[in-house]
Amino acid sequence: MTVPLLLALQLAAQDTSRLTLADAVQRALASQPGVAAARESRASAQANVGVARAPLWPRLSASLSANQYKIGNLVYPLSGINPANPPLFATTLSQGALQLGYTLFDFGGRTSQLRLAKAEERRAEAALDATSAATISRTVSAYLRVLTTRGVLDAQERRLAALRSEADRVAQLEAQGKAAHVEVLRLAAEVSRARADEVATRAQLDVAEHDLGRLVNLPADTVRVLRPVRLADTTLEGRAALIATAEQNSPEVAQAEREAEAAQAGVGVAQASLLPQLSATAVYVENGHQFTGYRPWWNAGLQLSYPIFTGGSRSSAVRANQAAARAAGAQLDAARQGAEQSVDAAVATLASASATVQALSTAVAQSEEVERIRLLSLQVGSGTETDYLDAEATLLSNRASLVQAQNDEIAARVELARVTGELSPAWMARVLAQ
């Protein structure tokens, strides 16, 4: 995915009063703690690969010691009895040493540890991709929720303004004796209901703006004016192709695959502990005393080690890792099944949203024509205010529903992209337009 590249970019200066969806996603990926935590987990896993690779190399260590004894101790190792050169004793001794060691053969224990570390790194990478995709999806949903609520509020404001204007006109007619008082009461009730709807929608919009503001790390008052979003690319692959893509690229499937790889590597690590290790060592030491000087000596050898009895811990570890591997395999199968189900659900939701958009587009066009005819009838005196207001209310309601349906279609398309593992800033730039 292009998320790691995106996160490396500096946040560009922008007009936050016209926040775009791309800007919102960029800010969310750069500021959300969940993404930051996943990114640091990946960095930790990458460092652990270096830790696991280190045992493949020889180990060289140095030591320096100084000791004070109550009674004299040998200055140099005793290698023979020579009356002409008796052993030296001193109460203060020092020693310097270099030790070189290398495991020649361990039946794949070190390479299994390295495979495990690399599998953990790939799992952390998959987790970062999944977290990033979830953050993008959540940001898009929050952005669309603000747009949808703003569209509903705009329709309600238009409706309230029309009702108030009509109420004022009818009140003037009543004063002139040309309208019944019941009409004034009816319009007052309509105004009150419309005002209540507007207040409730404003509260919903405030919640939506604060949610989006938290996601993009901006004050809520700077995300009140957003650019509308539309689908620039409505082409869609067939079900079989979408399922194949999801099984290959889905964030959940990718994580399950990495889990299975790590579990299999863990089995190798546990099995290697059942076999002996062959190591080579070499030591260079200098013993001495400040008055007698220092003398070097060295040794080299091979060491074969094998724990004869460990209380069954090694065999138990093998069985535990094998069970974990089987569980990871079952979870992978479940993730693939879940990906198929998620694709079907997302496709069905998208189809329903697309059909709703088409139906409401037709309804809006028809409502516009009805509203135009009712207005003409009212102007020539053959229609009633009630018919006109009902037509206008239907038109505004259909327009608000169309905005919501269009945003629902975009949200369904984004969810399908997340399920198939395609959701990224690059995908958004290709499929969505503002």
Protein backbone atom coordinates (compact mmCIF):
# COMPACT_ATOMS: atom_id res chain seq x y z
CA MET A 1 0.00 0.00 0.00
CA THR A 2 0.98 3.62 -0.41
CA VAL A 3 0.20 4.46 3.21
CA PRO A 4 3.87 4.37 4.39
CA LEU A 5 4.79 6.81 1.63
CA LEU A 6 1.88 9.06 2.50
CA LEU A 7 2.87 9.17 6.16
CA ALA A 8 6.34 10.37 5.20
CA LEU A 9 4.99 13.53 3.56
CA GLN A 10 4.73 16.86 5.34
CA LEU A 11 1.19 18.14 5.90
CA ALA A 12 0.70 20.81 3.26
CA ALA A 13 -0.84 24.17 4.07
CA GLN A 14 -4.55 24.05 3.30
CA ASP A 15 -7.73 26.07 3.52
CA THR A 16 -9.42 24.21 6.37
CA SER A 17 -12.69 26.01 5.66
CA ARG A 18 -12.85 23.88 2.49
CA LEU A 19 -11.42 20.65 3.77
CA THR A 20 -11.18 18.02 1.04
CA LEU A 21 -11.62 14.32 1.61
CA ALA A 22 -8.00 13.65 0.59
CA ASP A 23 -6.77 16.22 3.12
CA ALA A 24 -8.98 14.71 5.81
CA VAL A 25 -7.62 11.21 5.17
CA GLN A 26 -4.04 12.47 5.12
CA ARG A 27 -4.47 14.26 8.42
CA ALA A 28 -6.20 11.26 10.03
CA LEU A 29 -3.41 8.87 8.98
CA ALA A 30 -0.81 11.28 10.33
CA SER A 31 -2.50 12.00 13.67
CA GLN A 32 -4.54 8.97 14.79
CA PRO A 33 -2.90 7.15 17.74
CA GLY A 34 -3.99 3.75 16.45
CA VAL A 35 -2.01 4.24 13.24
CA ALA A 36 0.98 5.55 15.21
CA ALA A 37 0.88 2.52 17.51
CA ALA A 38 0.73 0.12 14.54
CA ARG A 39 3.62 1.95 12.89
CA GLU A 40 5.77 1.65 16.03
CA SER A 41 4.87 -2.03 16.36
CA ARG A 42 6.14 -2.54 12.85
CA ALA A 43 9.37 -0.71 13.73
CA SER A 44 9.78 -2.96 16.76
CA ALA A 45 9.23 -6.07 14.64
CA GLN A 46 11.78 -4.84 12.11
CA ALA A 47 14.34 -4.38 14.89
CA ASN A 48 13.61 -7.89 16.19
CA VAL A 49 14.61 -9.28 12.81
CA GLY A 50 18.09 -7.89 13.47
CA VAL A 51 18.06 -9.49 16.91
CA ALA A 52 17.16 -12.88 15.41
CA ARG A 53 19.80 -12.55 12.67
CA ALA A 54 22.64 -11.81 15.11
CA PRO A 55 23.17 -15.45 16.28
CA LEU A 56 24.04 -16.43 12.71
CA TRP A 57 27.33 -14.57 13.18
CA PRO A 58 30.26 -15.38 15.51
CA ARG A 59 30.20 -13.83 18.98
CA LEU A 60 33.23 -11.93 20.22
CA SER A 61 33.40 -10.67 23.80
CA ALA A 62 36.05 -9.03 25.96
CA SER A 63 36.44 -9.04 29.72
CA LEU A 64 38.75 -7.36 32.21
CA SER A 65 38.83 -8.23 35.89
CA ALA A 66 40.80 -7.30 38.99
CA ASN A 67 40.58 -9.34 42.19
CA GLN A 68 41.88 -8.89 45.73
CA TYR A 69 42.46 -12.15 47.66
CA LYS A 70 42.90 -12.65 51.40
CA ILE A 71 45.69 -15.10 50.79
CA GLY A 72 47.96 -15.33 47.77
CA ASN A 73 46.65 -16.94 44.60
CA LEU A 74 48.43 -18.20 41.48
CA VAL A 75 49.48 -15.37 39.17
CA TYR A 76 49.80 -17.66 36.14
CA PRO A 77 48.15 -21.01 35.40
CA LEU A 78 50.09 -23.90 36.85
CA SER A 79 51.47 -25.86 33.87
CA GLY A 80 54.18 -27.85 35.59
CA ILE A 81 56.48 -28.02 38.60
CA ASN A 82 59.89 -26.45 37.95
CA PRO A 83 62.13 -25.93 41.01
CA ALA A 84 64.13 -23.36 39.05
CA ASN A 85 61.02 -21.39 38.27
CA PRO A 86 58.54 -21.86 41.15
CA PRO A 87 54.90 -20.68 40.77
CA LEU A 88 54.15 -17.07 41.69
CA PHE A 89 51.47 -16.08 44.17
CA ALA A 90 49.93 -12.66 44.81
CA THR A 91 46.93 -11.25 46.62
CA THR A 92 46.08 -8.75 43.87
CA LEU A 93 45.54 -10.23 40.39
CA SER A 94 44.12 -8.93 37.12
CA GLN A 95 43.06 -10.68 33.94
CA GLY A 96 42.07 -9.64 30.43
CA ALA A 97 40.39 -12.02 27.98
CA LEU A 98 38.92 -12.21 24.48
CA GLN A 99 36.43 -14.97 23.76
CA LEU A 100 35.23 -16.01 20.30
CA GLY A 101 32.30 -18.39 19.94
CA TYR A 102 30.19 -19.68 17.07
CA THR A 103 27.38 -22.21 16.86
CA LEU A 104 28.34 -24.52 14.03
CA PHE A 105 25.10 -26.50 13.87
CA ASP A 106 21.82 -26.33 15.75
CA PHE A 107 19.43 -28.23 13.44
CA GLY A 108 17.77 -25.04 12.17
CA GLY A 109 17.12 -23.38 15.52
CA ARG A 110 18.62 -20.02 14.56
CA THR A 111 17.11 -19.96 11.07
CA SER A 112 13.73 -20.84 12.56
CA GLN A 113 14.08 -17.91 14.96
CA LEU A 114 14.87 -15.68 11.99
CA ARG A 115 11.86 -16.96 10.05
CA LEU A 116 9.71 -16.32 13.10
CA ALA A 117 11.01 -12.75 13.41
CA LYS A 118 10.41 -12.09 9.70
CA ALA A 119 6.90 -13.51 9.98
CA GLU A 120 6.26 -11.20 12.93
CA GLU A 121 7.53 -8.29 10.84
CA ARG A 122 5.13 -9.16 8.00
CA ARG A 123 2.32 -9.54 10.53
CA ALA A 124 3.06 -6.07 11.91
CA GLU A 125 3.08 -4.71 8.36
CA ALA A 126 -0.31 -6.32 7.70
CA ALA A 127 -1.65 -4.88 10.96
CA LEU A 128 -0.48 -1.41 9.93
CA ASP A 129 -2.21 -1.78 6.55
CA ALA A 130 -5.41 -2.95 8.26
CA THR A 131 -5.34 -0.11 10.78
CA SER A 132 -4.66 2.43 8.04
CA ALA A 133 -7.50 1.11 5.89
CA ALA A 134 -9.88 1.17 8.87
CA THR A 135 -8.83 4.76 9.61
CA ILE A 136 -9.43 5.78 6.00
CA SER A 137 -12.86 4.10 6.03
CA ARG A 138 -13.81 5.77 9.31
CA THR A 139 -12.66 9.16 8.06
CA VAL A 140 -14.62 8.83 4.83
CA SER A 141 -17.72 7.82 6.80
CA ALA A 142 -17.35 10.80 9.14
CA TYR A 143 -16.79 13.16 6.21
CA LEU A 144 -19.86 11.83 4.38
CA ARG A 145 -21.94 12.00 7.57
CA VAL A 146 -21.19 15.71 7.85
CA LEU A 147 -22.12 16.23 4.19
CA THR A 148 -25.32 14.22 4.54
CA THR A 149 -26.43 15.99 7.70
CA ARG A 150 -25.58 19.33 6.16
CA GLY A 151 -27.73 18.44 3.13
CA VAL A 152 -30.66 17.46 5.34
CA LEU A 153 -30.28 20.65 7.37
CA ASP A 154 -30.18 22.76 4.21
CA ALA A 155 -33.47 21.22 3.04
CA GLN A 156 -35.02 21.80 6.45
CA GLU A 157 -33.87 25.42 6.50
CA ARG A 158 -35.44 25.99 3.07
CA ARG A 159 -38.63 24.33 4.24
CA LEU A 160 -38.74 26.43 7.41
CA ALA A 161 -38.11 29.65 5.48
CA ALA A 162 -40.92 28.82 3.04
CA LEU A 163 -43.33 27.98 5.86
CA ARG A 164 -42.53 31.20 7.71
CA SER A 165 -43.03 33.24 4.55
CA GLU A 166 -46.33 31.54 3.88
CA ALA A 167 -47.40 31.95 7.52
CA ASP A 168 -46.70 35.69 7.31
CA ARG A 169 -48.67 35.96 4.07
CA VAL A 170 -51.66 34.07 5.48
CA ALA A 171 -51.55 36.17 8.67
CA GLN A 172 -51.81 39.32 6.52
CA LEU A 173 -54.72 37.83 4.61
CA GLU A 174 -56.46 37.01 7.89
CA ALA A 175 -56.04 40.59 9.00
CA GLN A 176 -57.76 41.61 5.79
CA GLY A 177 -60.53 39.08 6.35
CA LYS A 178 -59.46 36.98 3.37
CA ALA A 179 -58.21 33.90 5.22
CA ALA A 180 -59.59 31.71 7.99
CA HIS A 181 -57.89 31.62 11.37
CA VAL A 182 -57.60 27.86 11.11
CA GLU A 183 -55.13 28.30 8.25
CA VAL A 184 -52.99 30.51 10.47
CA LEU A 185 -53.01 27.84 13.19
CA ARG A 186 -52.20 25.07 10.72
CA LEU A 187 -49.20 26.96 9.37
CA ALA A 188 -48.01 27.82 12.88
CA ALA A 189 -48.04 24.12 13.74
CA GLU A 190 -46.11 23.33 10.56
CA VAL A 191 -43.54 26.00 11.44
CA SER A 192 -43.11 24.60 14.96
CA ARG A 193 -42.61 21.06 13.69
CA ALA A 194 -40.14 22.23 11.05
CA ARG A 195 -38.22 24.21 13.67
CA ALA A 196 -38.03 21.15 15.94
CA ASP A 197 -36.70 19.04 13.05
CA GLU A 198 -34.11 21.71 12.30
CA VAL A 199 -32.92 21.86 15.93
CA ALA A 200 -32.52 18.08 16.07
CA THR A 201 -30.57 18.02 12.82
CA ARG A 202 -28.30 20.83 14.00
CA ALA A 203 -27.45 18.75 17.07
CA GLN A 204 -26.65 15.75 14.87
CA LEU A 205 -24.48 17.96 12.67
CA ASP A 206 -22.58 19.25 15.70
CA VAL A 207 -21.82 15.68 16.79
CA ALA A 208 -20.74 14.72 13.25
CA GLU A 209 -18.45 17.76 12.97
CA HIS A 210 -16.80 17.05 16.31
CA ASP A 211 -16.27 13.41 15.33
CA LEU A 212 -14.63 14.44 12.06
CA GLY A 213 -12.59 17.10 13.84
CA ARG A 214 -11.19 14.52 16.28
CA LEU A 215 -10.27 12.22 13.42
CA VAL A 216 -8.39 14.88 11.45
CA ASN A 217 -7.01 16.70 14.50
CA LEU A 218 -8.76 19.99 13.74
CA PRO A 219 -11.25 22.11 15.71
CA ALA A 220 -14.84 21.30 14.85
CA ASP A 221 -15.53 24.82 13.59
CA THR A 222 -12.92 24.39 10.85
CA VAL A 223 -14.63 21.38 9.24
CA ARG A 224 -18.09 22.86 8.78
CA VAL A 225 -17.71 23.57 5.07
CA LEU A 226 -16.70 20.53 3.07
CA ARG A 227 -16.49 19.78 -0.61
CA PRO A 228 -19.12 17.37 -1.94
CA VAL A 229 -17.85 13.96 -3.03
CA ARG A 230 -18.96 11.93 -6.03
CA LEU A 231 -18.03 8.65 -7.65
CA ALA A 232 -15.77 9.29 -10.63
CA ASP A 233 -15.38 5.60 -11.47
CA THR A 234 -18.44 3.38 -11.13
CA THR A 235 -17.00 0.30 -12.86
CA LEU A 236 -17.09 -2.82 -10.74
CA GLU A 237 -15.61 -6.27 -11.23
CA GLY A 238 -17.69 -9.41 -11.06
CA ARG A 239 -18.30 -11.30 -7.83
CA ALA A 240 -15.73 -14.00 -8.51
CA ALA A 241 -12.99 -11.45 -9.25
CA LEU A 242 -13.88 -9.42 -6.16
CA ILE A 243 -13.77 -12.50 -3.92
CA ALA A 244 -10.42 -13.55 -5.39
CA THR A 245 -9.04 -10.07 -4.76
CA ALA A 246 -10.37 -10.07 -1.20
CA GLU A 247 -8.86 -13.48 -0.41
CA GLN A 248 -5.52 -12.24 -1.69
CA ASN A 249 -5.46 -8.64 -0.40
CA SER A 250 -8.02 -8.32 2.40
CA PRO A 251 -6.42 -6.81 5.54
CA GLU A 252 -8.04 -9.48 7.72
CA VAL A 253 -6.87 -12.31 5.46
CA ALA A 254 -3.37 -10.83 5.25
CA GLN A 255 -3.13 -10.68 9.03
CA ALA A 256 -4.38 -14.26 9.34
CA GLU A 257 -1.81 -15.43 6.78
CA ARG A 258 1.00 -13.74 8.68
CA GLU A 259 -0.28 -15.30 11.91
CA ALA A 260 -0.13 -18.73 10.27
CA GLU A 261 3.41 -18.09 9.03
CA ALA A 262 4.55 -17.04 12.48
CA ALA A 263 2.93 -20.08 14.06
CA GLN A 264 4.68 -22.44 11.65
CA ALA A 265 8.02 -20.75 12.36
CA GLY A 266 7.35 -21.19 16.08
CA VAL A 267 6.98 -24.94 15.50
CA GLY A 268 10.44 -24.97 13.90
CA VAL A 269 11.95 -23.14 16.85
CA ALA A 270 10.40 -25.59 19.32
CA GLN A 271 11.45 -28.66 17.35
CA ALA A 272 15.06 -27.42 17.12
CA SER A 273 15.25 -27.44 20.92
CA LEU A 274 14.87 -31.24 20.86
CA LEU A 275 18.23 -31.64 19.11
CA PRO A 276 21.81 -30.97 20.26
CA GLN A 277 23.93 -27.93 19.43
CA LEU A 278 27.53 -27.98 18.22
CA SER A 279 29.61 -24.88 19.02
CA ALA A 280 33.21 -23.80 18.55
CA THR A 281 34.99 -21.59 21.09
CA ALA A 282 38.36 -19.88 21.32
CA VAL A 283 39.69 -17.90 24.29
CA TYR A 284 42.74 -15.63 24.56
CA VAL A 285 43.67 -14.64 28.13
CA GLU A 286 46.41 -12.59 29.76
CA ASN A 287 47.00 -13.12 33.51
CA GLY A 288 49.41 -11.17 35.55
CA HIS A 289 50.46 -8.86 38.30
CA GLN A 290 51.71 -5.29 38.21
CA PHE A 291 55.17 -6.35 39.37
CA THR A 292 55.58 -9.56 37.40
CA GLY A 293 53.96 -8.51 34.11
CA TYR A 294 51.38 -10.40 32.05
CA ARG A 295 51.61 -13.70 30.25
CA PRO A 296 49.22 -14.80 27.49
CA TRP A 297 47.59 -18.17 27.07
CA TRP A 298 44.78 -19.46 24.89
CA ASN A 299 42.54 -22.41 24.28
CA ALA A 300 40.16 -23.56 21.55
CA GLY A 301 37.70 -26.36 21.34
CA LEU A 302 34.38 -27.81 20.22
CA GLN A 303 31.37 -28.21 22.48
CA LEU A 304 28.38 -30.46 21.96
CA SER A 305 25.48 -29.66 24.27
CA TYR A 306 22.17 -31.39 24.77
CA PRO A 307 19.77 -31.16 27.73
CA ILE A 308 19.09 -34.75 28.70
CA PHE A 309 16.11 -34.07 30.95
CA THR A 310 14.02 -30.89 31.18
CA GLY A 311 10.86 -32.22 32.78
CA GLY A 312 9.07 -32.46 29.42
CA SER A 313 9.20 -28.72 28.75
CA ARG A 314 10.65 -29.08 25.23
CA SER A 315 8.14 -31.67 24.01
CA SER A 316 5.34 -29.68 25.61
CA ALA A 317 6.55 -26.58 23.79
CA VAL A 318 6.49 -28.49 20.49
CA ARG A 319 2.92 -29.67 21.10
CA ALA A 320 1.83 -26.18 22.12
CA ASN A 321 3.31 -24.61 18.98
CA GLN A 322 1.81 -27.28 16.75
CA ALA A 323 -1.60 -26.63 18.27
CA ALA A 324 -1.09 -22.88 17.76
CA ALA A 325 -0.20 -23.53 14.12
CA ARG A 326 -3.36 -25.58 13.59
CA ALA A 327 -5.41 -22.84 15.25
CA ALA A 328 -3.80 -20.21 13.03
CA GLY A 329 -4.63 -22.32 9.97
CA ALA A 330 -8.26 -22.56 11.05
CA GLN A 331 -8.35 -18.81 11.65
CA LEU A 332 -6.98 -18.27 8.15
CA ASP A 333 -9.78 -20.39 6.68
CA ALA A 334 -12.29 -18.41 8.74
CA ALA A 335 -10.78 -15.12 7.52
CA ARG A 336 -11.13 -16.23 3.90
CA GLN A 337 -14.75 -17.22 4.49
CA GLY A 338 -15.33 -13.90 6.23
CA ALA A 339 -13.81 -12.05 3.27
CA GLU A 340 -16.23 -13.78 0.91
CA GLN A 341 -19.18 -12.93 3.15
CA SER A 342 -18.00 -9.33 3.49
CA VAL A 343 -17.72 -8.99 -0.29
CA ASP A 344 -21.28 -10.29 -0.75
CA ALA A 345 -22.61 -7.93 1.92
CA ALA A 346 -20.74 -4.93 0.49
CA VAL A 347 -21.87 -5.69 -3.07
CA ALA A 348 -25.48 -6.04 -1.93
CA THR A 349 -25.30 -2.77 0.00
CA LEU A 350 -23.73 -1.02 -2.97
CA ALA A 351 -26.38 -2.37 -5.37
CA SER A 352 -29.16 -1.25 -3.04
CA ALA A 353 -27.62 2.21 -2.65
CA SER A 354 -27.14 2.58 -6.42
CA ALA A 355 -30.76 1.60 -7.08
CA THR A 356 -31.92 4.08 -4.43
CA VAL A 357 -29.89 6.86 -6.06
CA GLN A 358 -31.46 6.15 -9.44
CA ALA A 359 -34.97 6.03 -8.00
CA LEU A 360 -34.54 9.23 -6.00
CA SER A 361 -32.99 11.04 -8.98
CA THR A 362 -36.18 10.29 -10.90
CA ALA A 363 -38.29 11.27 -7.88
CA VAL A 364 -36.49 14.62 -7.58
CA ALA A 365 -37.07 15.41 -11.25
CA GLN A 366 -40.74 14.50 -10.91
CA SER A 367 -41.09 16.50 -7.68
CA GLU A 368 -39.57 19.55 -9.33
CA GLU A 369 -42.17 19.35 -12.07
CA VAL A 370 -45.01 18.90 -9.56
CA GLU A 371 -43.75 21.84 -7.49
CA ARG A 372 -43.58 24.01 -10.63
CA ILE A 373 -47.14 23.13 -11.61
CA ARG A 374 -48.48 23.73 -8.08
CA LEU A 375 -46.80 27.14 -8.01
CA LEU A 376 -48.33 28.12 -11.34
CA SER A 377 -51.74 26.94 -10.15
CA LEU A 378 -51.39 29.02 -6.99
CA GLN A 379 -50.34 32.07 -8.98
CA VAL A 380 -53.36 31.87 -11.33
CA GLY A 381 -55.72 31.19 -8.44
CA SER A 382 -56.68 27.62 -9.30
CA GLY A 383 -54.50 25.99 -6.66
CA THR A 384 -54.20 26.12 -2.88
CA GLU A 385 -51.36 26.99 -0.54
CA THR A 386 -51.64 23.53 1.00
CA ASP A 387 -51.04 21.79 -2.33
CA TYR A 388 -48.07 24.02 -3.09
CA LEU A 389 -46.49 23.60 0.34
CA ASP A 390 -46.96 19.84 0.19
CA ALA A 391 -45.28 19.74 -3.21
CA GLU A 392 -42.41 21.88 -2.00
CA ALA A 393 -41.99 19.74 1.12
CA THR A 394 -41.91 16.58 -1.01
CA LEU A 395 -39.31 18.12 -3.31
CA LEU A 396 -37.03 19.18 -0.45
CA SER A 397 -37.41 15.81 1.26
CA ASN A 398 -36.52 13.96 -1.94
CA ARG A 399 -33.49 16.16 -2.48
CA ALA A 400 -32.24 15.50 1.05
CA SER A 401 -32.87 11.77 0.61
CA LEU A 402 -30.97 11.84 -2.69
CA VAL A 403 -27.95 13.44 -1.01
CA GLN A 404 -28.02 10.78 1.69
CA ALA A 405 -28.40 7.98 -0.86
CA GLN A 406 -25.51 9.30 -2.94
CA ASN A 407 -23.28 9.43 0.13
CA ASP A 408 -24.46 5.97 1.17
CA GLU A 409 -23.43 4.69 -2.27
CA ILE A 410 -19.96 6.22 -1.84
CA ALA A 411 -19.66 4.73 1.65
CA ALA A 412 -20.63 1.29 0.32
CA ARG A 413 -18.05 1.59 -2.46
CA VAL A 414 -15.39 2.54 0.09
CA GLU A 415 -16.31 -0.41 2.32
CA LEU A 416 -16.04 -2.78 -0.65
CA ALA A 417 -12.59 -1.38 -1.39
CA ARG A 418 -11.58 -1.93 2.24
CA VAL A 419 -12.83 -5.52 2.21
CA THR A 420 -10.91 -6.29 -1.00
CA GLY A 421 -7.75 -4.61 0.29
CA GLU A 422 -7.80 -1.87 -2.35
CA LEU A 423 -8.61 1.09 -0.10
CA SER A 424 -5.75 3.58 -0.15
CA PRO A 425 -5.20 7.27 -0.97
CA ALA A 426 -4.29 6.22 -4.52
CA TRP A 427 -7.60 4.34 -4.87
CA MET A 428 -9.52 7.35 -3.55
CA ALA A 429 -7.82 9.66 -6.05
CA ARG A 430 -8.88 7.34 -8.87
CA VAL A 431 -12.45 6.50 -7.81
CA LEU A 432 -13.66 9.59 -5.89
CA ALA A 433 -13.79 13.16 -7.13
CA GLN A 434 -14.47 16.53 -5.52
